[in-house]
């Protein structure tokens, strides 16, 4: 999948992750979290389940993996920033 497709997927996954977690950071950070989450999700899918490749922008497993990874990243960032404020 091309870099532009990953950026688009990351933006959408980050926005979905924000809605699922109730944390709102803005669309730029949502895109960053989504892209990082998509990469994290792909790594975890390969490490835990032996998935060799997540190819295709329209592949459902690619979207699910990216969204789950983005949710994890959004939650982790929320935990870190909450602890810093305390």
PDB file of N, CA and C in Angstrom:
ATOM      1  N   UNK A   1       0.860  -1.164   0.000  1.00  0.00           N
ATOM      2  CA  UNK A   1       0.000   0.000   0.000  1.00  0.00           C
ATOM      3  C   UNK A   1       0.908   1.228   0.000  1.00  0.00           C
ATOM      4  N   UNK A   2       0.563   2.232  -0.784  1.00  0.00           N
ATOM      5  CA  UNK A   2       1.377   3.426  -0.917  1.00  0.00           C
ATOM      6  C   UNK A   2       1.301   4.326   0.306  1.00  0.00           C
ATOM      7  N   UNK A   3       2.271   5.218   0.405  1.00  0.00           N
ATOM      8  CA  UNK A   3       2.365   6.101   1.565  1.00  0.00           C
ATOM      9  C   UNK A   3       1.146   7.013   1.676  1.00  0.00           C
ATOM     10  N   UNK A   4       0.624   7.478   0.550  1.00  0.00           N
ATOM     11  CA  UNK A   4      -0.562   8.341   0.580  1.00  0.00           C
ATOM     12  C   UNK A   4      -1.752   7.563   1.137  1.00  0.00           C
ATOM     13  N   UNK A   5      -1.886   6.313   0.731  1.00  0.00           N
ATOM     14  CA  UNK A   5      -2.984   5.480   1.239  1.00  0.00           C
ATOM     15  C   UNK A   5      -2.843   5.257   2.744  1.00  0.00           C
ATOM     16  N   UNK A   6      -1.603   5.041   3.232  1.00  0.00           N
ATOM     17  CA  UNK A   6      -1.386   4.859   4.677  1.00  0.00           C
ATOM     18  C   UNK A   6      -1.720   6.127   5.445  1.00  0.00           C
ATOM     19  N   UNK A   7      -1.394   7.285   4.868  1.00  0.00           N
ATOM     20  CA  UNK A   7      -1.719   8.548   5.528  1.00  0.00           C
ATOM     21  C   UNK A   7      -3.228   8.728   5.614  1.00  0.00           C
ATOM     22  N   UNK A   8      -3.923   8.443   4.518  1.00  0.00           N
ATOM     23  CA  UNK A   8      -5.387   8.550   4.519  1.00  0.00           C
ATOM     24  C   UNK A   8      -5.985   7.556   5.506  1.00  0.00           C
ATOM     25  N   UNK A   9      -5.509   6.314   5.467  1.00  0.00           N
ATOM     26  CA  UNK A   9      -5.989   5.297   6.400  1.00  0.00           C
ATOM     27  C   UNK A   9      -5.693   5.706   7.838  1.00  0.00           C
ATOM     28  N   UNK A  10      -4.503   6.240   8.081  1.00  0.00           N
ATOM     29  CA  UNK A  10      -4.137   6.687   9.426  1.00  0.00           C
ATOM     30  C   UNK A  10      -5.022   7.807   9.926  1.00  0.00           C
ATOM     31  N   UNK A  11      -5.320   8.766   9.058  1.00  0.00           N
ATOM     32  CA  UNK A  11      -6.201   9.869   9.444  1.00  0.00           C
ATOM     33  C   UNK A  11      -7.578   9.354   9.829  1.00  0.00           C
ATOM     34  N   UNK A  12      -8.129   8.505   8.998  1.00  0.00           N
ATOM     35  CA  UNK A  12      -9.465   7.969   9.274  1.00  0.00           C
ATOM     36  C   UNK A  12      -9.446   7.086  10.517  1.00  0.00           C
ATOM     37  N   UNK A  13      -8.434   6.228  10.638  1.00  0.00           N
ATOM     38  CA  UNK A  13      -8.341   5.354  11.813  1.00  0.00           C
ATOM     39  C   UNK A  13      -8.167   6.171  13.084  1.00  0.00           C
ATOM     40  N   UNK A  14      -7.375   7.233  13.025  1.00  0.00           N
ATOM     41  CA  UNK A  14      -7.185   8.093  14.191  1.00  0.00           C
ATOM     42  C   UNK A  14      -8.467   8.793  14.602  1.00  0.00           C
ATOM     43  N   UNK A  15      -9.226   9.278  13.625  1.00  0.00           N
ATOM     44  CA  UNK A  15     -10.504   9.930  13.929  1.00  0.00           C
ATOM     45  C   UNK A  15     -11.499   8.940  14.527  1.00  0.00           C
ATOM     46  N   UNK A  16     -11.530   7.724  13.980  1.00  0.00           N
ATOM     47  CA  UNK A  16     -12.412   6.686  14.530  1.00  0.00           C
ATOM     48  C   UNK A  16     -11.974   6.331  15.949  1.00  0.00           C
ATOM     49  N   UNK A  17     -10.669   6.207  16.163  1.00  0.00           N
ATOM     50  CA  UNK A  17     -10.157   5.878  17.501  1.00  0.00           C
ATOM     51  C   UNK A  17     -10.531   6.957  18.507  1.00  0.00           C
ATOM     52  N   UNK A  18     -10.453   8.222  18.101  1.00  0.00           N
ATOM     53  CA  UNK A  18     -10.851   9.305  19.004  1.00  0.00           C
ATOM     54  C   UNK A  18     -12.323   9.195  19.378  1.00  0.00           C
ATOM     55  N   UNK A  19     -13.161   8.870  18.409  1.00  0.00           N
ATOM     56  CA  UNK A  19     -14.587   8.736  18.690  1.00  0.00           C
ATOM     57  C   UNK A  19     -14.854   7.552  19.621  1.00  0.00           C
ATOM     58  N   UNK A  20     -14.143   6.451  19.401  1.00  0.00           N
ATOM     59  CA  UNK A  20     -14.344   5.259  20.230  1.00  0.00           C
ATOM     60  C   UNK A  20     -13.864   5.468  21.663  1.00  0.00           C
ATOM     61  N   UNK A  21     -12.809   6.251  21.837  1.00  0.00           N
ATOM     62  CA  UNK A  21     -12.245   6.443  23.174  1.00  0.00           C
ATOM     63  C   UNK A  21     -12.768   7.693  23.873  1.00  0.00           C
ATOM     64  N   UNK A  22     -13.396   8.592  23.128  1.00  0.00           N
ATOM     65  CA  UNK A  22     -13.911   9.820  23.723  1.00  0.00           C
ATOM     66  C   UNK A  22     -12.848  10.876  23.975  1.00  0.00           C
ATOM     67  N   UNK A  23     -11.653  10.684  23.445  1.00  0.00           N
ATOM     68  CA  UNK A  23     -10.571  11.659  23.609  1.00  0.00           C
ATOM     69  C   UNK A  23     -10.444  12.445  22.304  1.00  0.00           C
ATOM     70  N   UNK A  24     -10.430  13.765  22.398  1.00  0.00           N
ATOM     71  CA  UNK A  24     -10.375  14.601  21.205  1.00  0.00           C
ATOM     72  C   UNK A  24      -9.122  15.464  21.236  1.00  0.00           C
ATOM     73  N   UNK A  25      -8.240  15.228  20.262  1.00  0.00           N
ATOM     74  CA  UNK A  25      -6.972  15.940  20.216  1.00  0.00           C
ATOM     75  C   UNK A  25      -6.828  16.799  18.974  1.00  0.00           C
ATOM     76  N   UNK A  26      -7.783  16.753  18.067  1.00  0.00           N
ATOM     77  CA  UNK A  26      -7.675  17.482  16.809  1.00  0.00           C
ATOM     78  C   UNK A  26      -7.263  16.552  15.687  1.00  0.00           C
ATOM     79  N   UNK A  27      -7.536  16.981  14.458  1.00  0.00           N
ATOM     80  CA  UNK A  27      -7.332  16.073  13.332  1.00  0.00           C
ATOM     81  C   UNK A  27      -5.862  15.824  13.020  1.00  0.00           C
ATOM     82  N   UNK A  28      -4.970  16.764  13.318  1.00  0.00           N
ATOM     83  CA  UNK A  28      -3.549  16.548  13.030  1.00  0.00           C
ATOM     84  C   UNK A  28      -2.989  15.455  13.938  1.00  0.00           C
ATOM     85  N   UNK A  29      -3.232  15.577  15.243  1.00  0.00           N
ATOM     86  CA  UNK A  29      -2.765  14.530  16.158  1.00  0.00           C
ATOM     87  C   UNK A  29      -3.505  13.222  15.918  1.00  0.00           C
ATOM     88  N   UNK A  30      -4.781  13.305  15.532  1.00  0.00           N
ATOM     89  CA  UNK A  30      -5.518  12.084  15.208  1.00  0.00           C
ATOM     90  C   UNK A  30      -4.855  11.363  14.042  1.00  0.00           C
ATOM     91  N   UNK A  31      -4.397  12.112  13.052  1.00  0.00           N
ATOM     92  CA  UNK A  31      -3.704  11.504  11.916  1.00  0.00           C
ATOM     93  C   UNK A  31      -2.394  10.872  12.354  1.00  0.00           C
ATOM     94  N   UNK A  32      -1.647  11.578  13.190  1.00  0.00           N
ATOM     95  CA  UNK A  32      -0.372  11.041  13.687  1.00  0.00           C
ATOM     96  C   UNK A  32      -0.614   9.768  14.491  1.00  0.00           C
ATOM     97  N   UNK A  33      -1.579   9.833  15.415  1.00  0.00           N
ATOM     98  CA  UNK A  33      -1.897   8.650  16.219  1.00  0.00           C
ATOM     99  C   UNK A  33      -2.380   7.509  15.331  1.00  0.00           C
ATOM    100  N   UNK A  34      -3.163   7.838  14.319  1.00  0.00           N
ATOM    101  CA  UNK A  34      -3.670   6.817  13.409  1.00  0.00           C
ATOM    102  C   UNK A  34      -2.570   6.149  12.611  1.00  0.00           C
ATOM    103  N   UNK A  35      -1.632   6.943  12.113  1.00  0.00           N
ATOM    104  CA  UNK A  35      -0.528   6.376  11.336  1.00  0.00           C
ATOM    105  C   UNK A  35       0.354   5.505  12.229  1.00  0.00           C
ATOM    106  N   UNK A  36       0.698   6.026  13.399  1.00  0.00           N
ATOM    107  CA  UNK A  36       1.492   5.232  14.351  1.00  0.00           C
ATOM    108  C   UNK A  36       0.717   3.981  14.748  1.00  0.00           C
ATOM    109  N   UNK A  37      -0.583   4.144  14.986  1.00  0.00           N
ATOM    110  CA  UNK A  37      -1.420   3.008  15.361  1.00  0.00           C
ATOM    111  C   UNK A  37      -1.525   1.967  14.267  1.00  0.00           C
ATOM    112  N   UNK A  38      -1.612   2.420  13.023  1.00  0.00           N
ATOM    113  CA  UNK A  38      -1.671   1.480  11.906  1.00  0.00           C
ATOM    114  C   UNK A  38      -0.388   0.661  11.831  1.00  0.00           C
ATOM    115  N   UNK A  39       0.740   1.333  12.012  1.00  0.00           N
ATOM    116  CA  UNK A  39       2.015   0.610  12.015  1.00  0.00           C
ATOM    117  C   UNK A  39       2.107  -0.342  13.203  1.00  0.00           C
ATOM    118  N   UNK A  40       1.693   0.131  14.378  1.00  0.00           N
ATOM    119  CA  UNK A  40       1.691  -0.709  15.577  1.00  0.00           C
ATOM    120  C   UNK A  40       0.763  -1.908  15.388  1.00  0.00           C
ATOM    121  N   UNK A  41      -0.417  -1.656  14.860  1.00  0.00           N
ATOM    122  CA  UNK A  41      -1.369  -2.742  14.627  1.00  0.00           C
ATOM    123  C   UNK A  41      -0.830  -3.777  13.659  1.00  0.00           C
ATOM    124  N   UNK A  42      -0.178  -3.319  12.591  1.00  0.00           N
ATOM    125  CA  UNK A  42       0.421  -4.249  11.634  1.00  0.00           C
ATOM    126  C   UNK A  42       1.524  -5.077  12.263  1.00  0.00           C
ATOM    127  N   UNK A  43       2.358  -4.435  13.085  1.00  0.00           N
ATOM    128  CA  UNK A  43       3.429  -5.146  13.782  1.00  0.00           C
ATOM    129  C   UNK A  43       2.854  -6.192  14.735  1.00  0.00           C
ATOM    130  N   UNK A  44       1.846  -5.799  15.520  1.00  0.00           N
ATOM    131  CA  UNK A  44       1.242  -6.738  16.473  1.00  0.00           C
ATOM    132  C   UNK A  44       0.550  -7.892  15.766  1.00  0.00           C
ATOM    133  N   UNK A  45      -0.121  -7.604  14.659  1.00  0.00           N
ATOM    134  CA  UNK A  45      -0.787  -8.672  13.907  1.00  0.00           C
ATOM    135  C   UNK A  45       0.231  -9.689  13.404  1.00  0.00           C
ATOM    136  N   UNK A  46       1.367  -9.199  12.951  1.00  0.00           N
ATOM    137  CA  UNK A  46       2.410 -10.103  12.473  1.00  0.00           C
ATOM    138  C   UNK A  46       3.028 -10.882  13.627  1.00  0.00           C
ATOM    139  N   UNK A  47       3.317 -10.190  14.739  1.00  0.00           N
ATOM    140  CA  UNK A  47       3.979 -10.832  15.874  1.00  0.00           C
ATOM    141  C   UNK A  47       3.075 -11.827  16.594  1.00  0.00           C
ATOM    142  N   UNK A  48       1.820 -11.469  16.804  1.00  0.00           N
ATOM    143  CA  UNK A  48       0.928 -12.305  17.602  1.00  0.00           C
ATOM    144  C   UNK A  48       0.210 -13.381  16.801  1.00  0.00           C
ATOM    145  N   UNK A  49      -0.162 -13.052  15.568  1.00  0.00           N
ATOM    146  CA  UNK A  49      -1.009 -13.967  14.804  1.00  0.00           C
ATOM    147  C   UNK A  49      -0.347 -14.501  13.544  1.00  0.00           C
ATOM    148  N   UNK A  50       0.882 -14.090  13.286  1.00  0.00           N
ATOM    149  CA  UNK A  50       1.593 -14.589  12.118  1.00  0.00           C
ATOM    150  C   UNK A  50       1.080 -14.057  10.800  1.00  0.00           C
ATOM    151  N   UNK A  51       0.370 -12.941  10.828  1.00  0.00           N
ATOM    152  CA  UNK A  51      -0.123 -12.344   9.592  1.00  0.00           C
ATOM    153  C   UNK A  51       1.088 -11.846   8.818  1.00  0.00           C
ATOM    154  N   UNK A  52       1.251 -12.319   7.601  1.00  0.00           N
ATOM    155  CA  UNK A  52       2.430 -11.974   6.821  1.00  0.00           C
ATOM    156  C   UNK A  52       2.356 -10.586   6.211  1.00  0.00           C
ATOM    157  N   UNK A  53       1.185 -10.195   5.760  1.00  0.00           N
ATOM    158  CA  UNK A  53       1.088  -8.913   5.085  1.00  0.00           C
ATOM    159  C   UNK A  53      -0.328  -8.392   5.160  1.00  0.00           C
ATOM    160  N   UNK A  54      -0.448  -7.116   5.389  1.00  0.00           N
ATOM    161  CA  UNK A  54      -1.746  -6.456   5.347  1.00  0.00           C
ATOM    162  C   UNK A  54      -1.724  -5.542   4.133  1.00  0.00           C
ATOM    163  N   UNK A  55      -2.221  -6.054   3.031  1.00  0.00           N
ATOM    164  CA  UNK A  55      -2.175  -5.307   1.787  1.00  0.00           C
ATOM    165  C   UNK A  55      -3.558  -4.861   1.382  1.00  0.00           C
ATOM    166  N   UNK A  56      -3.610  -3.724   0.756  1.00  0.00           N
ATOM    167  CA  UNK A  56      -4.844  -3.266   0.157  1.00  0.00           C
ATOM    168  C   UNK A  56      -5.592  -2.270   1.006  1.00  0.00           C
ATOM    169  N   UNK A  57      -5.850  -1.126   0.407  1.00  0.00           N
ATOM    170  CA  UNK A  57      -6.572  -0.068   1.091  1.00  0.00           C
ATOM    171  C   UNK A  57      -7.992  -0.496   1.416  1.00  0.00           C
ATOM    172  N   UNK A  58      -8.582  -1.322   0.587  1.00  0.00           N
ATOM    173  CA  UNK A  58      -9.973  -1.729   0.767  1.00  0.00           C
ATOM    174  C   UNK A  58     -10.115  -3.077   1.466  1.00  0.00           C
ATOM    175  N   UNK A  59      -9.040  -3.578   2.031  1.00  0.00           N
ATOM    176  CA  UNK A  59      -9.061  -4.845   2.746  1.00  0.00           C
ATOM    177  C   UNK A  59      -9.555  -4.602   4.174  1.00  0.00           C
ATOM    178  N   UNK A  60     -10.602  -5.305   4.577  1.00  0.00           N
ATOM    179  CA  UNK A  60     -11.206  -5.104   5.894  1.00  0.00           C
ATOM    180  C   UNK A  60     -10.212  -5.364   7.025  1.00  0.00           C
ATOM    181  N   UNK A  61      -9.375  -6.382   6.890  1.00  0.00           N
ATOM    182  CA  UNK A  61      -8.413  -6.680   7.958  1.00  0.00           C
ATOM    183  C   UNK A  61      -7.407  -5.545   8.130  1.00  0.00           C
ATOM    184  N   UNK A  62      -7.055  -4.861   7.051  1.00  0.00           N
ATOM    185  CA  UNK A  62      -6.157  -3.717   7.149  1.00  0.00           C
ATOM    186  C   UNK A  62      -6.795  -2.607   7.968  1.00  0.00           C
ATOM    187  N   UNK A  63      -8.061  -2.331   7.716  1.00  0.00           N
ATOM    188  CA  UNK A  63      -8.777  -1.277   8.438  1.00  0.00           C
ATOM    189  C   UNK A  63      -8.944  -1.628   9.909  1.00  0.00           C
ATOM    190  N   UNK A  64      -9.345  -2.857  10.184  1.00  0.00           N
ATOM    191  CA  UNK A  64      -9.546  -3.273  11.578  1.00  0.00           C
ATOM    192  C   UNK A  64      -8.234  -3.194  12.347  1.00  0.00           C
ATOM    193  N   UNK A  65      -7.165  -3.671  11.740  1.00  0.00           N
ATOM    194  CA  UNK A  65      -5.854  -3.626  12.379  1.00  0.00           C
ATOM    195  C   UNK A  65      -5.423  -2.186  12.648  1.00  0.00           C
ATOM    196  N   UNK A  66      -5.610  -1.314  11.679  1.00  0.00           N
ATOM    197  CA  UNK A  66      -5.226   0.090  11.844  1.00  0.00           C
ATOM    198  C   UNK A  66      -6.051   0.764  12.933  1.00  0.00           C
ATOM    199  N   UNK A  67      -7.338   0.491  12.978  1.00  0.00           N
ATOM    200  CA  UNK A  67      -8.205   1.113  13.982  1.00  0.00           C
ATOM    201  C   UNK A  67      -7.855   0.618  15.377  1.00  0.00           C
ATOM    202  N   UNK A  68      -7.643  -0.688  15.527  1.00  0.00           N
ATOM    203  CA  UNK A  68      -7.260  -1.228  16.835  1.00  0.00           C
ATOM    204  C   UNK A  68      -5.926  -0.628  17.282  1.00  0.00           C
ATOM    205  N   UNK A  69      -4.967  -0.558  16.379  1.00  0.00           N
ATOM    206  CA  UNK A  69      -3.682   0.050  16.714  1.00  0.00           C
ATOM    207  C   UNK A  69      -3.825   1.511  17.099  1.00  0.00           C
ATOM    208  N   UNK A  70      -4.671   2.251  16.380  1.00  0.00           N
ATOM    209  CA  UNK A  70      -4.885   3.667  16.695  1.00  0.00           C
ATOM    210  C   UNK A  70      -5.563   3.837  18.049  1.00  0.00           C
ATOM    211  N   UNK A  71      -6.513   2.967  18.372  1.00  0.00           N
ATOM    212  CA  UNK A  71      -7.168   3.026  19.683  1.00  0.00           C
ATOM    213  C   UNK A  71      -6.135   2.802  20.783  1.00  0.00           C
ATOM    214  N   UNK A  72      -5.254   1.839  20.592  1.00  0.00           N
ATOM    215  CA  UNK A  72      -4.208   1.573  21.582  1.00  0.00           C
ATOM    216  C   UNK A  72      -3.321   2.803  21.760  1.00  0.00           C
ATOM    217  N   UNK A  73      -2.921   3.417  20.658  1.00  0.00           N
ATOM    218  CA  UNK A  73      -2.062   4.602  20.742  1.00  0.00           C
ATOM    219  C   UNK A  73      -2.782   5.753  21.437  1.00  0.00           C
ATOM    220  N   UNK A  74      -4.045   6.006  21.082  1.00  0.00           N
ATOM    221  CA  UNK A  74      -4.806   7.096  21.707  1.00  0.00           C
ATOM    222  C   UNK A  74      -4.940   6.856  23.207  1.00  0.00           C
ATOM    223  N   UNK A  75      -5.221   5.620  23.601  1.00  0.00           N
ATOM    224  CA  UNK A  75      -5.346   5.307  25.028  1.00  0.00           C
ATOM    225  C   UNK A  75      -4.013   5.472  25.758  1.00  0.00           C
ATOM    226  N   UNK A  76      -2.925   5.017  25.146  1.00  0.00           N
ATOM    227  CA  UNK A  76      -1.607   5.168  25.771  1.00  0.00           C
ATOM    228  C   UNK A  76      -1.224   6.635  25.926  1.00  0.00           C
ATOM    229  N   UNK A  77      -1.483   7.426  24.906  1.00  0.00           N
ATOM    230  CA  UNK A  77      -1.189   8.861  24.998  1.00  0.00           C
ATOM    231  C   UNK A  77      -2.040   9.495  26.089  1.00  0.00           C
ATOM    232  N   UNK A  78      -3.296   9.081  26.195  1.00  0.00           N
ATOM    233  CA  UNK A  78      -4.163   9.591  27.253  1.00  0.00           C
ATOM    234  C   UNK A  78      -3.640   9.256  28.636  1.00  0.00           C
ATOM    235  N   UNK A  79      -3.132   8.043  28.809  1.00  0.00           N
ATOM    236  CA  UNK A  79      -2.568   7.653  30.103  1.00  0.00           C
ATOM    237  C   UNK A  79      -1.319   8.458  30.440  1.00  0.00           C
ATOM    238  N   UNK A  80      -0.458   8.649  29.467  1.00  0.00           N
ATOM    239  CA  UNK A  80       0.781   9.387  29.695  1.00  0.00           C
ATOM    240  C   UNK A  80       0.488  10.850  30.005  1.00  0.00           C
ATOM    241  N   UNK A  81      -0.389  11.478  29.244  1.00  0.00           N
ATOM    242  CA  UNK A  81      -0.666  12.898  29.477  1.00  0.00           C
ATOM    243  C   UNK A  81      -1.463  13.107  30.754  1.00  0.00           C
ATOM    244  N   UNK A  82      -2.300  12.160  31.127  1.00  0.00           N
ATOM    245  CA  UNK A  82      -3.048  12.272  32.384  1.00  0.00           C
ATOM    246  C   UNK A  82      -2.089  12.217  33.564  1.00  0.00           C
ATOM    247  N   UNK A  83      -1.091  11.329  33.500  1.00  0.00           N
ATOM    248  CA  UNK A  83      -0.110  11.208  34.580  1.00  0.00           C
ATOM    249  C   UNK A  83       0.780  12.444  34.673  1.00  0.00           C
ATOM    250  N   UNK A  84       1.042  13.104  33.572  1.00  0.00           N
ATOM    251  CA  UNK A  84       1.879  14.303  33.585  1.00  0.00           C
ATOM    252  C   UNK A  84       1.158  15.475  34.229  1.00  0.00           C
ATOM    253  N   UNK A  85      -0.149  15.540  34.062  1.00  0.00           N
ATOM    254  CA  UNK A  85      -0.915  16.650  34.625  1.00  0.00           C
ATOM    255  C   UNK A  85      -1.083  16.526  36.127  1.00  0.00           C
ATOM    256  N   UNK A  86      -1.025  15.317  36.642  1.00  0.00           N
ATOM    257  CA  UNK A  86      -1.276  15.092  38.074  1.00  0.00           C
ATOM    258  C   UNK A  86      -0.133  15.547  38.940  1.00  0.00           C
TER     259      UNK A  86
END
